[in-house]
PDB file of N, CA and C in Angstrom:
ATOM      1  N   MET A   1     123.047 -48.292  49.453  1.00  0.00           N
ATOM      2  CA  MET A   1     121.625 -48.260  49.133  1.00  0.00           C
ATOM      3  C   MET A   1     121.456 -48.019  47.627  1.00  0.00           C
ATOM      4  N   PRO A   2     120.617 -48.817  46.959  1.00  0.00           N
ATOM      5  CA  PRO A   2     120.437 -48.598  45.514  1.00  0.00           C
ATOM      6  C   PRO A   2     119.658 -47.311  45.233  1.00  0.00           C
ATOM      7  N   LYS A   3     119.761 -46.854  43.996  1.00  0.00           N
ATOM      8  CA  LYS A   3     119.040 -45.639  43.592  1.00  0.00           C
ATOM      9  C   LYS A   3     117.544 -45.917  43.559  1.00  0.00           C
ATOM     10  N   MET A   4     116.751 -44.861  43.797  1.00  0.00           N
ATOM     11  CA  MET A   4     115.292 -44.985  43.686  1.00  0.00           C
ATOM     12  C   MET A   4     114.916 -45.006  42.210  1.00  0.00           C
ATOM     13  N   LYS A   5     113.962 -45.834  41.849  1.00  0.00           N
ATOM     14  CA  LYS A   5     113.510 -45.874  40.460  1.00  0.00           C
ATOM     15  C   LYS A   5     112.493 -44.771  40.218  1.00  0.00           C
ATOM     16  N   THR A   6     112.518 -44.220  39.005  1.00  0.00           N
ATOM     17  CA  THR A   6     111.517 -43.236  38.588  1.00  0.00           C
ATOM     18  C   THR A   6     110.181 -43.949  38.432  1.00  0.00           C
ATOM     19  N   HIS A   7     109.106 -43.316  38.870  1.00  0.00           N
ATOM     20  CA  HIS A   7     107.760 -43.878  38.731  1.00  0.00           C
ATOM     21  C   HIS A   7     107.384 -43.884  37.254  1.00  0.00           C
ATOM     22  N   SER A   8     107.159 -45.069  36.676  1.00  0.00           N
ATOM     23  CA  SER A   8     106.941 -45.189  35.232  1.00  0.00           C
ATOM     24  C   SER A   8     105.702 -44.444  34.761  1.00  0.00           C
ATOM     25  N   GLY A   9     104.636 -44.444  35.579  1.00  0.00           N
ATOM     26  CA  GLY A   9     103.421 -43.719  35.192  1.00  0.00           C
ATOM     27  C   GLY A   9     103.646 -42.223  35.202  1.00  0.00           C
ATOM     28  N   ALA A  10     104.429 -41.733  36.157  1.00  0.00           N
ATOM     29  CA  ALA A  10     104.685 -40.301  36.267  1.00  0.00           C
ATOM     30  C   ALA A  10     105.541 -39.801  35.120  1.00  0.00           C
ATOM     31  N   LYS A  11     106.519 -40.575  34.700  1.00  0.00           N
ATOM     32  CA  LYS A  11     107.407 -40.097  33.636  1.00  0.00           C
ATOM     33  C   LYS A  11     106.667 -39.994  32.302  1.00  0.00           C
ATOM     34  N   LYS A  12     105.566 -40.753  32.140  1.00  0.00           N
ATOM     35  CA  LYS A  12     104.769 -40.657  30.915  1.00  0.00           C
ATOM     36  C   LYS A  12     103.802 -39.472  30.962  1.00  0.00           C
ATOM     37  N   ARG A  13     103.442 -39.026  32.161  1.00  0.00           N
ATOM     38  CA  ARG A  13     102.402 -38.007  32.305  1.00  0.00           C
ATOM     39  C   ARG A  13     102.919 -36.597  32.520  1.00  0.00           C
ATOM     40  N   PHE A  14     104.090 -36.452  33.103  1.00  0.00           N
ATOM     41  CA  PHE A  14     104.574 -35.122  33.485  1.00  0.00           C
ATOM     42  C   PHE A  14     105.881 -34.775  32.798  1.00  0.00           C
ATOM     43  N   LYS A  15     106.052 -33.478  32.503  1.00  0.00           N
ATOM     44  CA  LYS A  15     107.307 -32.976  31.951  1.00  0.00           C
ATOM     45  C   LYS A  15     107.753 -31.811  32.821  1.00  0.00           C
ATOM     46  N   ILE A  16     109.052 -31.674  33.016  1.00  0.00           N
ATOM     47  CA  ILE A  16     109.603 -30.561  33.789  1.00  0.00           C
ATOM     48  C   ILE A  16     110.153 -29.538  32.805  1.00  0.00           C
ATOM     49  N   THR A  17     109.753 -28.271  32.955  1.00  0.00           N
ATOM     50  CA  THR A  17     110.252 -27.212  32.082  1.00  0.00           C
ATOM     51  C   THR A  17     111.636 -26.774  32.560  1.00  0.00           C
ATOM     52  N   GLY A  18     112.274 -25.935  31.760  1.00  0.00           N
ATOM     53  CA  GLY A  18     113.586 -25.434  32.123  1.00  0.00           C
ATOM     54  C   GLY A  18     113.571 -24.634  33.407  1.00  0.00           C
ATOM     55  N   SER A  19     112.444 -23.947  33.669  1.00  0.00           N
ATOM     56  CA  SER A  19     112.337 -23.140  34.885  1.00  0.00           C
ATOM     57  C   SER A  19     111.866 -23.957  36.086  1.00  0.00           C
ATOM     58  N   GLY A  20     111.591 -25.265  35.874  1.00  0.00           N
ATOM     59  CA  GLY A  20     111.249 -26.136  36.992  1.00  0.00           C
ATOM     60  C   GLY A  20     109.764 -26.383  37.195  1.00  0.00           C
ATOM     61  N   LYS A  21     108.908 -25.832  36.315  1.00  0.00           N
ATOM     62  CA  LYS A  21     107.477 -26.092  36.445  1.00  0.00           C
ATOM     63  C   LYS A  21     107.181 -27.527  36.013  1.00  0.00           C
ATOM     64  N   VAL A  22     106.149 -28.127  36.628  1.00  0.00           N
ATOM     65  CA  VAL A  22     105.707 -29.466  36.237  1.00  0.00           C
ATOM     66  C   VAL A  22     104.476 -29.290  35.353  1.00  0.00           C
ATOM     67  N   MET A  23     104.569 -29.775  34.108  1.00  0.00           N
ATOM     68  CA  MET A  23     103.479 -29.599  33.147  1.00  0.00           C
ATOM     69  C   MET A  23     102.721 -30.911  32.971  1.00  0.00           C
ATOM     70  N   ARG A  24     101.433 -30.784  32.663  1.00  0.00           N
ATOM     71  CA  ARG A  24     100.569 -31.948  32.475  1.00  0.00           C
ATOM     72  C   ARG A  24      99.616 -31.690  31.319  1.00  0.00           C
ATOM     73  N   ARG A  25      98.938 -32.727  30.873  1.00  0.00           N
ATOM     74  CA  ARG A  25      97.878 -32.605  29.880  1.00  0.00           C
ATOM     75  C   ARG A  25      96.537 -32.636  30.604  1.00  0.00           C
ATOM     76  N   LYS A  26      95.495 -32.132  29.948  1.00  0.00           N
ATOM     77  CA  LYS A  26      94.157 -32.231  30.527  1.00  0.00           C
ATOM     78  C   LYS A  26      93.541 -33.569  30.147  1.00  0.00           C
ATOM     79  N   ALA A  27      92.617 -34.027  30.974  1.00  0.00           N
ATOM     80  CA  ALA A  27      91.948 -35.307  30.741  1.00  0.00           C
ATOM     81  C   ALA A  27      90.861 -35.161  29.679  1.00  0.00           C
ATOM     82  N   ASN A  28      90.320 -36.279  29.211  1.00  0.00           N
ATOM     83  CA  ASN A  28      89.168 -36.363  28.304  1.00  0.00           C
ATOM     84  C   ASN A  28      89.475 -36.032  26.854  1.00  0.00           C
ATOM     85  N   LEU A  29      90.715 -36.201  26.409  1.00  0.00           N
ATOM     86  CA  LEU A  29      91.021 -35.932  25.005  1.00  0.00           C
ATOM     87  C   LEU A  29      91.718 -37.136  24.360  1.00  0.00           C
ATOM     88  N   ASN A  30      91.427 -38.338  24.874  1.00  0.00           N
ATOM     89  CA  ASN A  30      92.087 -39.530  24.348  1.00  0.00           C
ATOM     90  C   ASN A  30      91.187 -40.388  23.471  1.00  0.00           C
ATOM     91  N   HIS A  31      89.940 -40.542  23.831  1.00  0.00           N
ATOM     92  CA  HIS A  31      89.062 -41.402  23.036  1.00  0.00           C
ATOM     93  C   HIS A  31      87.629 -40.924  23.204  1.00  0.00           C
ATOM     94  N   ILE A  32      86.729 -41.504  22.400  1.00  0.00           N
ATOM     95  CA  ILE A  32      85.317 -41.096  22.346  1.00  0.00           C
ATOM     96  C   ILE A  32      85.249 -39.587  22.055  1.00  0.00           C
ATOM     97  N   LEU A  33      85.949 -39.156  21.014  1.00  0.00           N
ATOM     98  CA  LEU A  33      86.034 -37.733  20.699  1.00  0.00           C
ATOM     99  C   LEU A  33      84.899 -37.273  19.786  1.00  0.00           C
ATOM    100  N   GLU A  34      84.237 -38.212  19.127  1.00  0.00           N
ATOM    101  CA  GLU A  34      83.223 -37.860  18.140  1.00  0.00           C
ATOM    102  C   GLU A  34      82.061 -37.085  18.760  1.00  0.00           C
ATOM    103  N   LYS A  35      81.665 -37.463  19.961  1.00  0.00           N
ATOM    104  CA  LYS A  35      80.503 -36.815  20.586  1.00  0.00           C
ATOM    105  C   LYS A  35      80.864 -35.525  21.322  1.00  0.00           C
ATOM    106  N   LYS A  36      82.161 -35.233  21.482  1.00  0.00           N
ATOM    107  CA  LYS A  36      82.580 -34.022  22.193  1.00  0.00           C
ATOM    108  C   LYS A  36      82.619 -32.840  21.238  1.00  0.00           C
ATOM    109  N   ALA A  37      82.147 -31.707  21.704  1.00  0.00           N
ATOM    110  CA  ALA A  37      82.072 -30.508  20.862  1.00  0.00           C
ATOM    111  C   ALA A  37      83.474 -30.008  20.516  1.00  0.00           C
ATOM    112  N   PRO A  38      83.660 -29.455  19.306  1.00  0.00           N
ATOM    113  CA  PRO A  38      84.968 -28.935  18.920  1.00  0.00           C
ATOM    114  C   PRO A  38      85.507 -27.891  19.905  1.00  0.00           C
ATOM    115  N   ALA A  39      84.632 -27.042  20.426  1.00  0.00           N
ATOM    116  CA  ALA A  39      85.081 -26.014  21.378  1.00  0.00           C
ATOM    117  C   ALA A  39      85.619 -26.673  22.644  1.00  0.00           C
ATOM    118  N   ARG A  40      84.968 -27.730  23.075  1.00  0.00           N
ATOM    119  CA  ARG A  40      85.425 -28.451  24.265  1.00  0.00           C
ATOM    120  C   ARG A  40      86.792 -29.088  24.016  1.00  0.00           C
ATOM    121  N   LYS A  41      86.970 -29.666  22.825  1.00  0.00           N
ATOM    122  CA  LYS A  41      88.254 -30.301  22.499  1.00  0.00           C
ATOM    123  C   LYS A  41      89.369 -29.264  22.416  1.00  0.00           C
ATOM    124  N   ARG A  42      89.069 -28.090  21.886  1.00  0.00           N
ATOM    125  CA  ARG A  42      90.081 -27.023  21.832  1.00  0.00           C
ATOM    126  C   ARG A  42      90.475 -26.581  23.236  1.00  0.00           C
ATOM    127  N   ARG A  43      89.480 -26.506  24.125  1.00  0.00           N
ATOM    128  CA  ARG A  43      89.750 -26.104  25.514  1.00  0.00           C
ATOM    129  C   ARG A  43      90.687 -27.089  26.215  1.00  0.00           C
ATOM    130  N   LEU A  44      90.615 -28.340  25.818  1.00  0.00           N
ATOM    131  CA  LEU A  44      91.401 -29.382  26.473  1.00  0.00           C
ATOM    132  C   LEU A  44      92.806 -29.527  25.881  1.00  0.00           C
ATOM    133  N   GLU A  45      93.100 -28.813  24.775  1.00  0.00           N
ATOM    134  CA  GLU A  45      94.420 -28.906  24.143  1.00  0.00           C
ATOM    135  C   GLU A  45      95.478 -28.220  24.986  1.00  0.00           C
ATOM    136  N   GLY A  46      96.724 -28.543  24.701  1.00  0.00           N
ATOM    137  CA  GLY A  46      97.844 -27.817  25.288  1.00  0.00           C
ATOM    138  C   GLY A  46      98.304 -28.389  26.608  1.00  0.00           C
ATOM    139  N   ASN A  47      99.336 -27.759  27.152  1.00  0.00           N
ATOM    140  CA  ASN A  47      99.912 -28.182  28.433  1.00  0.00           C
ATOM    141  C   ASN A  47      99.567 -27.180  29.511  1.00  0.00           C
ATOM    142  N   PHE A  48      99.425 -27.669  30.730  1.00  0.00           N
ATOM    143  CA  PHE A  48      99.027 -26.831  31.850  1.00  0.00           C
ATOM    144  C   PHE A  48      99.922 -27.138  33.038  1.00  0.00           C
ATOM    145  N   GLU A  49     100.128 -26.129  33.862  1.00  0.00           N
ATOM    146  CA  GLU A  49     100.985 -26.307  35.032  1.00  0.00           C
ATOM    147  C   GLU A  49     100.236 -27.088  36.103  1.00  0.00           C
ATOM    148  N   LEU A  50     100.953 -27.980  36.751  1.00  0.00           N
ATOM    149  CA  LEU A  50     100.385 -28.762  37.837  1.00  0.00           C
ATOM    150  C   LEU A  50     100.218 -27.877  39.068  1.00  0.00           C
ATOM    151  N   ALA A  51      99.179 -28.115  39.861  1.00  0.00           N
ATOM    152  CA  ALA A  51      98.961 -27.371  41.103  1.00  0.00           C
ATOM    153  C   ALA A  51     100.139 -27.608  42.041  1.00  0.00           C
ATOM    154  N   PRO A  52     100.471 -26.625  42.884  1.00  0.00           N
ATOM    155  CA  PRO A  52     101.683 -26.736  43.724  1.00  0.00           C
ATOM    156  C   PRO A  52     101.772 -28.002  44.568  1.00  0.00           C
ATOM    157  N   GLY A  53     100.668 -28.389  45.205  1.00  0.00           N
ATOM    158  CA  GLY A  53     100.699 -29.593  46.040  1.00  0.00           C
ATOM    159  C   GLY A  53     100.922 -30.849  45.218  1.00  0.00           C
ATOM    160  N   ASP A  54     100.303 -30.903  44.040  1.00  0.00           N
ATOM    161  CA  ASP A  54     100.473 -32.066  43.167  1.00  0.00           C
ATOM    162  C   ASP A  54     101.871 -32.076  42.554  1.00  0.00           C
ATOM    163  N   ALA A  55     102.403 -30.877  42.291  1.00  0.00           N
ATOM    164  CA  ALA A  55     103.732 -30.780  41.682  1.00  0.00           C
ATOM    165  C   ALA A  55     104.788 -31.372  42.609  1.00  0.00           C
ATOM    166  N   ALA A  56     104.639 -31.157  43.905  1.00  0.00           N
ATOM    167  CA  ALA A  56     105.595 -31.701  44.870  1.00  0.00           C
ATOM    168  C   ALA A  56     105.584 -33.226  44.810  1.00  0.00           C
ATOM    169  N   ARG A  57     104.412 -33.813  44.717  1.00  0.00           N
ATOM    170  CA  ARG A  57     104.306 -35.278  44.643  1.00  0.00           C
ATOM    171  C   ARG A  57     104.883 -35.792  43.326  1.00  0.00           C
ATOM    172  N   ALA A  58     104.596 -35.091  42.226  1.00  0.00           N
ATOM    173  CA  ALA A  58     105.109 -35.508  40.914  1.00  0.00           C
ATOM    174  C   ALA A  58     106.634 -35.453  40.895  1.00  0.00           C
ATOM    175  N   ARG A  59     107.200 -34.407  41.493  1.00  0.00           N
ATOM    176  CA  ARG A  59     108.673 -34.290  41.545  1.00  0.00           C
ATOM    177  C   ARG A  59     109.289 -35.469  42.301  1.00  0.00           C
ATOM    178  N   ARG A  60     108.655 -35.856  43.401  1.00  0.00           N
ATOM    179  CA  ARG A  60     109.151 -37.015  44.168  1.00  0.00           C
ATOM    180  C   ARG A  60     109.117 -38.272  43.315  1.00  0.00           C
ATOM    181  N   GLN A  61     108.011 -38.464  42.571  1.00  0.00           N
ATOM    182  CA  GLN A  61     107.875 -39.657  41.751  1.00  0.00           C
ATOM    183  C   GLN A  61     108.871 -39.670  40.601  1.00  0.00           C
ATOM    184  N   LEU A  62     109.230 -38.478  40.113  1.00  0.00           N
ATOM    185  CA  LEU A  62     110.192 -38.378  39.019  1.00  0.00           C
ATOM    186  C   LEU A  62     111.633 -38.425  39.516  1.00  0.00           C
ATOM    187  N   GLY A  63     111.813 -38.417  40.832  1.00  0.00           N
ATOM    188  CA  GLY A  63     113.148 -38.483  41.394  1.00  0.00           C
ATOM    189  C   GLY A  63     113.900 -37.172  41.288  1.00  0.00           C
ATOM    190  N   ILE A  64     113.171 -36.053  41.345  1.00  0.00           N
ATOM    191  CA  ILE A  64     113.780 -34.717  41.227  1.00  0.00           C
ATOM    192  C   ILE A  64     113.752 -34.025  42.575  1.00  0.00           C
TER     193      ILE A  64
END
């Protein structure tokens, strides 16, 4: 049986930390930024841990 391929969309969106957490970015910080308040843009910065149920699905898609 051939190996399962990694889901290309998942590998661009999720990162696995050394301790095994699945990290993601928040939405709404890619375009049309001019009308968004600076405080809102700051709130959307950084990486956040994926919810447990979603993390299980992301791990499957990443082949982990």
